[in-house]
Amino acid sequence: MTAEELRALCLSFRGSEETFPFGFETSVFKVVGKMFALSRLSGEPLSVSLKCEPQLAQELRAMHPAITGGYHLNKRHWNTVALDGSLPDQMIRELVEDSYDLVVSSLSRARRRGLGWSG
């Protein structure tokens, strides 16, 4: 997955936006002001930090060397995924979608309904 594909994926979710609170080199993808993905899209290797349920986060790290605790984030709730070709693109898409869903699920019912999210 390329940086352009990652950006397009993150922005494909309803209500998502790209912001730059840490400078223009770091893209922060949010939904209703809450972060679900963070990436330095020009980084080598490309990586993305994603929100994850704590138990699943640990399991993914144990199974995949490309998945580590969230870099400069709460490692209980965030994983950093190296997009080095060792993980299939479909898995990366699912991890990004899971992160988005996890954030949206914590929003109020009215906000979830406004996004057309059914869970």
C-alpha atoms as a PDB file:
ATOM      1  CA  MET A   1       0.000   0.000   0.000  1.00  0.00           C
ATOM      2  CA  THR A   2       1.351   3.396  -0.973  1.00  0.00           C
ATOM      3  CA  ALA A   3       1.024   6.659   0.935  1.00  0.00           C
ATOM      4  CA  GLU A   4      -1.542   7.901  -1.589  1.00  0.00           C
ATOM      5  CA  GLU A   5      -3.595   4.709  -1.187  1.00  0.00           C
ATOM      6  CA  LEU A   6      -3.438   4.999   2.605  1.00  0.00           C
ATOM      7  CA  ARG A   7      -4.589   8.633   2.480  1.00  0.00           C
ATOM      8  CA  ALA A   8      -7.448   7.740   0.100  1.00  0.00           C
ATOM      9  CA  LEU A   9      -8.487   4.848   2.350  1.00  0.00           C
ATOM     10  CA  CYS A  10      -8.567   6.999   5.486  1.00  0.00           C
ATOM     11  CA  LEU A  11     -10.556   9.706   3.716  1.00  0.00           C
ATOM     12  CA  SER A  12     -13.029   7.196   2.248  1.00  0.00           C
ATOM     13  CA  PHE A  13     -14.889   6.865   5.550  1.00  0.00           C
ATOM     14  CA  ARG A  14     -17.907   9.045   6.073  1.00  0.00           C
ATOM     15  CA  GLY A  15     -17.097  12.197   8.031  1.00  0.00           C
ATOM     16  CA  SER A  16     -13.331  11.648   7.961  1.00  0.00           C
ATOM     17  CA  GLU A  17     -10.909  14.524   7.541  1.00  0.00           C
ATOM     18  CA  GLU A  18      -7.155  14.978   7.310  1.00  0.00           C
ATOM     19  CA  THR A  19      -5.623  17.444   9.752  1.00  0.00           C
ATOM     20  CA  PHE A  20      -2.062  18.510  10.572  1.00  0.00           C
ATOM     21  CA  PRO A  21      -1.902  19.391  14.301  1.00  0.00           C
ATOM     22  CA  PHE A  22       1.736  18.208  14.572  1.00  0.00           C
ATOM     23  CA  GLY A  23       3.020  19.921  11.400  1.00  0.00           C
ATOM     24  CA  PHE A  24       2.550  19.273   7.709  1.00  0.00           C
ATOM     25  CA  GLU A  25       4.691  16.127   7.722  1.00  0.00           C
ATOM     26  CA  THR A  26       2.223  14.197   9.903  1.00  0.00           C
ATOM     27  CA  SER A  27      -1.316  13.467   8.692  1.00  0.00           C
ATOM     28  CA  VAL A  28      -3.892  12.924  11.417  1.00  0.00           C
ATOM     29  CA  PHE A  29      -7.164  11.420  10.225  1.00  0.00           C
ATOM     30  CA  LYS A  30     -10.173  12.229  12.374  1.00  0.00           C
ATOM     31  CA  VAL A  31     -13.895  11.648  12.491  1.00  0.00           C
ATOM     32  CA  VAL A  32     -15.947  14.221  14.420  1.00  0.00           C
ATOM     33  CA  GLY A  33     -12.702  15.613  15.845  1.00  0.00           C
ATOM     34  CA  LYS A  34     -11.453  12.249  17.155  1.00  0.00           C
ATOM     35  CA  MET A  35      -8.308  10.654  15.769  1.00  0.00           C
ATOM     36  CA  PHE A  36      -8.505   7.192  14.206  1.00  0.00           C
ATOM     37  CA  ALA A  37      -5.252   7.155  12.176  1.00  0.00           C
ATOM     38  CA  LEU A  38      -1.908   8.938  12.245  1.00  0.00           C
ATOM     39  CA  SER A  39       0.818   8.681   9.624  1.00  0.00           C
ATOM     40  CA  ARG A  40       3.907  10.429   8.369  1.00  0.00           C
ATOM     41  CA  LEU A  41       2.988   9.715   4.766  1.00  0.00           C
ATOM     42  CA  SER A  42       6.470  10.575   3.506  1.00  0.00           C
ATOM     43  CA  GLY A  43       8.121   8.242   6.029  1.00  0.00           C
ATOM     44  CA  GLU A  44      10.384   5.362   5.050  1.00  0.00           C
ATOM     45  CA  PRO A  45       9.158   2.808   5.688  1.00  0.00           C
ATOM     46  CA  LEU A  46       5.577   4.007   5.565  1.00  0.00           C
ATOM     47  CA  SER A  47       3.647   3.303   8.763  1.00  0.00           C
ATOM     48  CA  VAL A  48       0.290   4.158  10.276  1.00  0.00           C
ATOM     49  CA  SER A  49      -0.838   4.244  13.887  1.00  0.00           C
ATOM     50  CA  LEU A  50      -4.333   2.906  14.480  1.00  0.00           C
ATOM     51  CA  LYS A  51      -6.670   2.593  17.436  1.00  0.00           C
ATOM     52  CA  CYS A  52      -7.346  -0.993  18.494  1.00  0.00           C
ATOM     53  CA  GLU A  53      -9.121  -2.869  21.266  1.00  0.00           C
ATOM     54  CA  PRO A  54      -6.481  -3.679  23.925  1.00  0.00           C
ATOM     55  CA  GLN A  55      -6.693  -7.487  23.796  1.00  0.00           C
ATOM     56  CA  LEU A  56      -6.635  -7.559  19.998  1.00  0.00           C
ATOM     57  CA  ALA A  57      -3.758  -5.062  19.944  1.00  0.00           C
ATOM     58  CA  GLN A  58      -1.608  -7.450  21.995  1.00  0.00           C
ATOM     59  CA  GLU A  59      -2.575 -10.448  19.862  1.00  0.00           C
ATOM     60  CA  LEU A  60      -1.728  -8.634  16.624  1.00  0.00           C
ATOM     61  CA  ARG A  61       1.671  -7.573  17.978  1.00  0.00           C
ATOM     62  CA  ALA A  62       2.451 -11.169  18.999  1.00  0.00           C
ATOM     63  CA  MET A  63       1.527 -12.533  15.556  1.00  0.00           C
ATOM     64  CA  HIS A  64       3.005  -9.863  13.254  1.00  0.00           C
ATOM     65  CA  PRO A  65       6.459  -8.277  13.608  1.00  0.00           C
ATOM     66  CA  ALA A  66       5.235  -5.333  11.477  1.00  0.00           C
ATOM     67  CA  ILE A  67       2.744  -4.397  14.210  1.00  0.00           C
ATOM     68  CA  THR A  68       4.139  -2.745  17.337  1.00  0.00           C
ATOM     69  CA  GLY A  69       2.833  -0.648  20.203  1.00  0.00           C
ATOM     70  CA  GLY A  70       1.673   2.813  19.125  1.00  0.00           C
ATOM     71  CA  TYR A  71       4.632   5.121  18.599  1.00  0.00           C
ATOM     72  CA  HIS A  72       4.275   8.053  21.053  1.00  0.00           C
ATOM     73  CA  LEU A  73       0.712   6.903  21.798  1.00  0.00           C
ATOM     74  CA  ASN A  74      -1.002   4.906  24.534  1.00  0.00           C
ATOM     75  CA  LYS A  75       0.292   1.434  23.680  1.00  0.00           C
ATOM     76  CA  ARG A  76      -2.721  -0.187  25.332  1.00  0.00           C
ATOM     77  CA  HIS A  77      -5.074   1.316  22.740  1.00  0.00           C
ATOM     78  CA  TRP A  78      -2.860   2.042  19.711  1.00  0.00           C
ATOM     79  CA  ASN A  79      -0.739  -0.016  17.322  1.00  0.00           C
ATOM     80  CA  THR A  80       1.746   1.226  14.760  1.00  0.00           C
ATOM     81  CA  VAL A  81       1.663  -0.822  11.578  1.00  0.00           C
ATOM     82  CA  ALA A  82       4.700  -0.800   9.269  1.00  0.00           C
ATOM     83  CA  LEU A  83       3.511  -0.932   5.658  1.00  0.00           C
ATOM     84  CA  ASP A  84       6.617  -2.807   4.561  1.00  0.00           C
ATOM     85  CA  GLY A  85       4.862  -5.377   2.361  1.00  0.00           C
ATOM     86  CA  SER A  86       4.788  -8.101   5.012  1.00  0.00           C
ATOM     87  CA  LEU A  87       1.046  -7.665   5.656  1.00  0.00           C
ATOM     88  CA  PRO A  88      -1.586  -8.033   2.930  1.00  0.00           C
ATOM     89  CA  ASP A  89      -3.282  -4.809   1.831  1.00  0.00           C
ATOM     90  CA  GLN A  90      -6.663  -6.301   2.742  1.00  0.00           C
ATOM     91  CA  MET A  91      -5.522  -6.739   6.341  1.00  0.00           C
ATOM     92  CA  ILE A  92      -4.325  -3.137   6.466  1.00  0.00           C
ATOM     93  CA  ARG A  93      -7.682  -1.955   5.085  1.00  0.00           C
ATOM     94  CA  GLU A  94      -9.467  -3.961   7.782  1.00  0.00           C
ATOM     95  CA  LEU A  95      -7.254  -2.550  10.547  1.00  0.00           C
ATOM     96  CA  VAL A  96      -7.940   1.018   9.369  1.00  0.00           C
ATOM     97  CA  GLU A  97     -11.675   0.335   9.161  1.00  0.00           C
ATOM     98  CA  ASP A  98     -11.651  -1.266  12.628  1.00  0.00           C
ATOM     99  CA  SER A  99      -9.919   1.833  14.022  1.00  0.00           C
ATOM    100  CA  TYR A 100     -12.527   4.111  12.433  1.00  0.00           C
ATOM    101  CA  ASP A 101     -15.365   1.900  13.731  1.00  0.00           C
ATOM    102  CA  LEU A 102     -13.895   1.843  17.229  1.00  0.00           C
ATOM    103  CA  VAL A 103     -13.790   5.642  17.347  1.00  0.00           C
ATOM    104  CA  VAL A 104     -17.264   6.070  15.831  1.00  0.00           C
ATOM    105  CA  SER A 105     -18.743   3.509  18.237  1.00  0.00           C
ATOM    106  CA  SER A 106     -17.750   5.780  21.135  1.00  0.00           C
ATOM    107  CA  LEU A 107     -19.663   8.760  19.701  1.00  0.00           C
ATOM    108  CA  SER A 108     -23.161   9.717  20.784  1.00  0.00           C
ATOM    109  CA  ARG A 109     -26.063   7.957  19.120  1.00  0.00           C
ATOM    110  CA  ALA A 110     -27.020  11.166  17.312  1.00  0.00           C
ATOM    111  CA  ARG A 111     -23.514  11.576  15.878  1.00  0.00           C
ATOM    112  CA  ARG A 112     -23.363   7.914  14.826  1.00  0.00           C
ATOM    113  CA  ARG A 113     -26.748   8.290  13.139  1.00  0.00           C
ATOM    114  CA  GLY A 114     -25.549  11.492  11.449  1.00  0.00           C
ATOM    115  CA  LEU A 115     -22.654   9.546   9.953  1.00  0.00           C
ATOM    116  CA  GLY A 116     -25.002   6.793   8.809  1.00  0.00           C
ATOM    117  CA  TRP A 117     -22.977   4.290  10.848  1.00  0.00           C
ATOM    118  CA  SER A 118     -24.726   1.070  11.753  1.00  0.00           C
ATOM    119  CA  GLY A 119     -21.917  -0.695  13.567  1.00  0.00           C
END
